[in-house]
Amino acid sequence: MTTFPDLTAFRSAEGQSFGPTEWVLITQEMINAFAKATLDFQWIHVDPERAKKESPFGTTIAHGFMSVSMASRFLEDTIRIESLKMGLNYGLDKVRFPHPVPVNSKIRMYTTIEKIEDFQVNGLKVFFDCKIEIEGVEKPACIAKFISLMME
């Protein structure tokens, strides 16, 4: 983790890369909880027996949106700004899911701060280029531009 005292100091991170984060194991319980939260119960995610028989992956896979939603957690594990009062997800650009995440896989993230812009009086809009990878798999699980608002 890299720590910055305030947003002024954080501005120096523009163009820098961070990571990797620690690996996170994606369990069936996590996939089921995501399905319940999003009401997306497609069998490829929540039916291990059917996935074993009918899926080209031979097992259940995490939702693509579950992978990208992990970016928030991974960013919190990567960068800390001591003066930060609040952070908000502003949006995503150019999201792709090049490889599915099979259940019981481990994922982690690398990120580069592409751009930092002023936002209102006491904040920044930060554009992160994120790559979430799967342990032992060449293609990434997710690549996305993650946009965050940070306010002191």
Protein backbone atom coordinates (compact mmCIF):
# COMPACT_ATOMS: atom_id res chain seq x y z
CA MET A 1 0.00 0.00 0.00
CA THR A 2 1.17 3.51 -0.82
CA THR A 3 0.09 6.27 1.56
CA PHE A 4 -0.26 9.96 0.77
CA PRO A 5 -0.90 12.62 3.43
CA ASP A 6 -3.41 14.57 1.30
CA LEU A 7 -4.78 15.13 -2.21
CA THR A 8 -2.04 17.63 -3.03
CA ALA A 9 0.60 14.97 -2.43
CA PHE A 10 -1.52 12.37 -4.24
CA ARG A 11 -1.39 14.48 -7.43
CA SER A 12 2.26 13.43 -7.75
CA ALA A 13 1.06 9.88 -8.43
CA GLU A 14 -0.36 10.79 -11.86
CA GLY A 15 1.21 8.43 -14.39
CA GLN A 16 2.44 5.98 -11.74
CA SER A 17 1.61 2.30 -11.58
CA PHE A 18 0.68 0.39 -8.44
CA GLY A 19 0.27 -3.24 -7.55
CA PRO A 20 -0.12 -6.01 -7.65
CA THR A 21 -2.57 -6.32 -4.79
CA GLU A 22 -2.80 -9.44 -2.68
CA TRP A 23 -4.62 -12.38 -4.25
CA VAL A 24 -8.31 -12.79 -3.41
CA LEU A 25 -9.93 -16.23 -3.64
CA ILE A 26 -13.27 -16.16 -5.48
CA THR A 27 -15.52 -18.73 -3.80
CA GLN A 28 -18.91 -20.11 -4.77
CA GLU A 29 -20.33 -18.38 -1.70
CA MET A 30 -19.10 -15.02 -3.01
CA ILE A 31 -20.54 -15.73 -6.46
CA ASN A 32 -23.89 -16.74 -4.94
CA ALA A 33 -23.98 -13.59 -2.79
CA PHE A 34 -23.29 -11.46 -5.87
CA ALA A 35 -26.06 -13.28 -7.75
CA LYS A 36 -28.45 -12.62 -4.88
CA ALA A 37 -27.49 -8.93 -4.72
CA THR A 38 -27.91 -8.41 -8.46
CA LEU A 39 -30.73 -10.92 -9.07
CA ASP A 40 -28.57 -12.51 -11.79
CA PHE A 41 -29.01 -16.24 -11.19
CA GLN A 42 -27.81 -17.51 -14.57
CA TRP A 43 -26.88 -21.19 -14.16
CA ILE A 44 -23.29 -20.68 -15.33
CA HIS A 45 -22.73 -18.75 -12.08
CA VAL A 46 -24.85 -20.55 -9.48
CA ASP A 47 -25.39 -24.19 -10.54
CA PRO A 48 -22.15 -26.13 -10.04
CA GLU A 49 -23.61 -29.48 -11.19
CA ARG A 50 -25.02 -28.11 -14.43
CA ALA A 51 -21.86 -26.06 -15.06
CA LYS A 52 -19.74 -29.19 -14.60
CA LYS A 53 -21.80 -31.01 -17.26
CA GLU A 54 -22.75 -28.25 -19.73
CA SER A 55 -20.30 -25.37 -19.41
CA PRO A 56 -17.24 -25.13 -21.65
CA PHE A 57 -15.35 -24.12 -18.48
CA GLY A 58 -16.31 -27.27 -16.53
CA THR A 59 -17.28 -25.24 -13.48
CA THR A 60 -19.17 -22.14 -12.43
CA ILE A 61 -17.68 -18.74 -13.19
CA ALA A 62 -17.93 -15.38 -11.47
CA HIS A 63 -20.11 -12.70 -13.03
CA GLY A 64 -18.08 -10.29 -15.15
CA PHE A 65 -19.54 -7.43 -13.16
CA MET A 66 -18.37 -9.13 -9.98
CA SER A 67 -14.81 -8.94 -11.30
CA VAL A 68 -15.04 -5.25 -12.13
CA SER A 69 -16.76 -4.48 -8.83
CA MET A 70 -13.66 -5.79 -7.06
CA ALA A 71 -11.72 -2.78 -8.40
CA SER A 72 -13.02 -0.60 -5.54
CA ARG A 73 -11.72 -3.02 -2.94
CA PHE A 74 -8.41 -3.44 -4.74
CA LEU A 75 -7.92 0.34 -4.96
CA GLU A 76 -8.52 0.60 -1.21
CA ASP A 77 -5.80 -2.03 -0.74
CA THR A 78 -3.42 -0.13 -3.02
CA ILE A 79 -3.65 3.58 -2.19
CA ARG A 80 -4.43 5.40 1.05
CA ILE A 81 -4.92 9.16 1.36
CA GLU A 82 -4.88 10.15 5.02
CA SER A 83 -6.93 13.35 4.61
CA LEU A 84 -9.63 11.71 2.47
CA LYS A 85 -13.14 12.24 3.81
CA MET A 86 -15.03 10.44 1.06
CA GLY A 87 -14.54 8.51 -2.15
CA LEU A 88 -17.23 7.79 -4.72
CA ASN A 89 -17.38 5.67 -7.84
CA TYR A 90 -17.92 8.06 -10.74
CA GLY A 91 -18.08 5.49 -13.51
CA LEU A 92 -16.32 3.08 -15.81
CA ASP A 93 -15.03 3.37 -19.36
CA LYS A 94 -13.78 0.73 -21.79
CA VAL A 95 -14.69 -2.29 -19.65
CA ARG A 96 -13.80 -5.68 -21.07
CA PHE A 97 -13.85 -9.23 -19.68
CA PRO A 98 -11.22 -11.11 -21.73
CA HIS A 99 -11.29 -14.27 -19.59
CA PRO A 100 -13.90 -15.73 -17.20
CA VAL A 101 -13.03 -16.25 -13.54
CA PRO A 102 -13.66 -19.88 -12.58
CA VAL A 103 -14.83 -20.55 -9.03
CA ASN A 104 -11.93 -21.05 -6.59
CA SER A 105 -9.61 -18.92 -8.73
CA LYS A 106 -7.51 -16.16 -7.23
CA ILE A 107 -7.57 -12.65 -8.69
CA ARG A 108 -5.54 -9.49 -8.06
CA MET A 109 -5.16 -6.07 -9.65
CA TYR A 110 -2.56 -3.76 -11.12
CA THR A 111 -3.46 -0.12 -11.72
CA THR A 112 -2.00 2.99 -13.30
CA ILE A 113 -3.24 6.48 -12.53
CA GLU A 114 -3.83 7.77 -16.04
CA LYS A 115 -5.12 11.23 -15.22
CA ILE A 116 -6.11 13.42 -12.27
CA GLU A 117 -8.48 16.39 -12.62
CA ASP A 118 -9.79 18.93 -10.12
CA PHE A 119 -13.32 18.25 -8.91
CA GLN A 120 -15.24 20.97 -7.11
CA VAL A 121 -13.40 22.89 -4.40
CA ASN A 122 -11.96 20.08 -2.31
CA GLY A 123 -11.75 17.08 -4.59
CA LEU A 124 -10.22 15.23 -7.47
CA LYS A 125 -11.55 13.08 -10.31
CA VAL A 126 -9.10 10.23 -10.80
CA PHE A 127 -8.89 7.98 -13.86
CA PHE A 128 -7.40 4.57 -13.06
CA ASP A 129 -6.42 2.04 -15.72
CA CYS A 130 -7.11 -1.28 -14.02
CA LYS A 131 -6.13 -4.81 -14.95
CA ILE A 132 -7.51 -7.67 -12.90
CA GLU A 133 -5.63 -10.89 -13.46
CA ILE A 134 -6.30 -14.52 -12.60
CA GLU A 135 -3.56 -16.59 -11.02
CA GLY A 136 -2.03 -18.87 -13.66
CA VAL A 137 -4.01 -17.42 -16.59
CA GLU A 138 -2.38 -15.31 -19.29
CA LYS A 139 -5.46 -13.27 -20.28
CA PRO A 140 -6.81 -10.82 -17.70
CA ALA A 141 -10.23 -11.29 -16.11
CA CYS A 142 -11.07 -7.62 -16.57
CA ILE A 143 -9.57 -4.47 -17.98
CA ALA A 144 -11.29 -1.18 -17.28
CA LYS A 145 -10.87 2.50 -16.82
CA PHE A 146 -12.24 3.15 -13.34
CA ILE A 147 -13.16 6.76 -12.48
CA SER A 148 -13.30 7.82 -8.87
CA LEU A 149 -14.13 11.04 -7.03
CA MET A 150 -12.03 11.78 -3.96
CA MET A 151 -12.85 14.58 -1.51
CA GLU A 152 -11.18 16.07 1.53
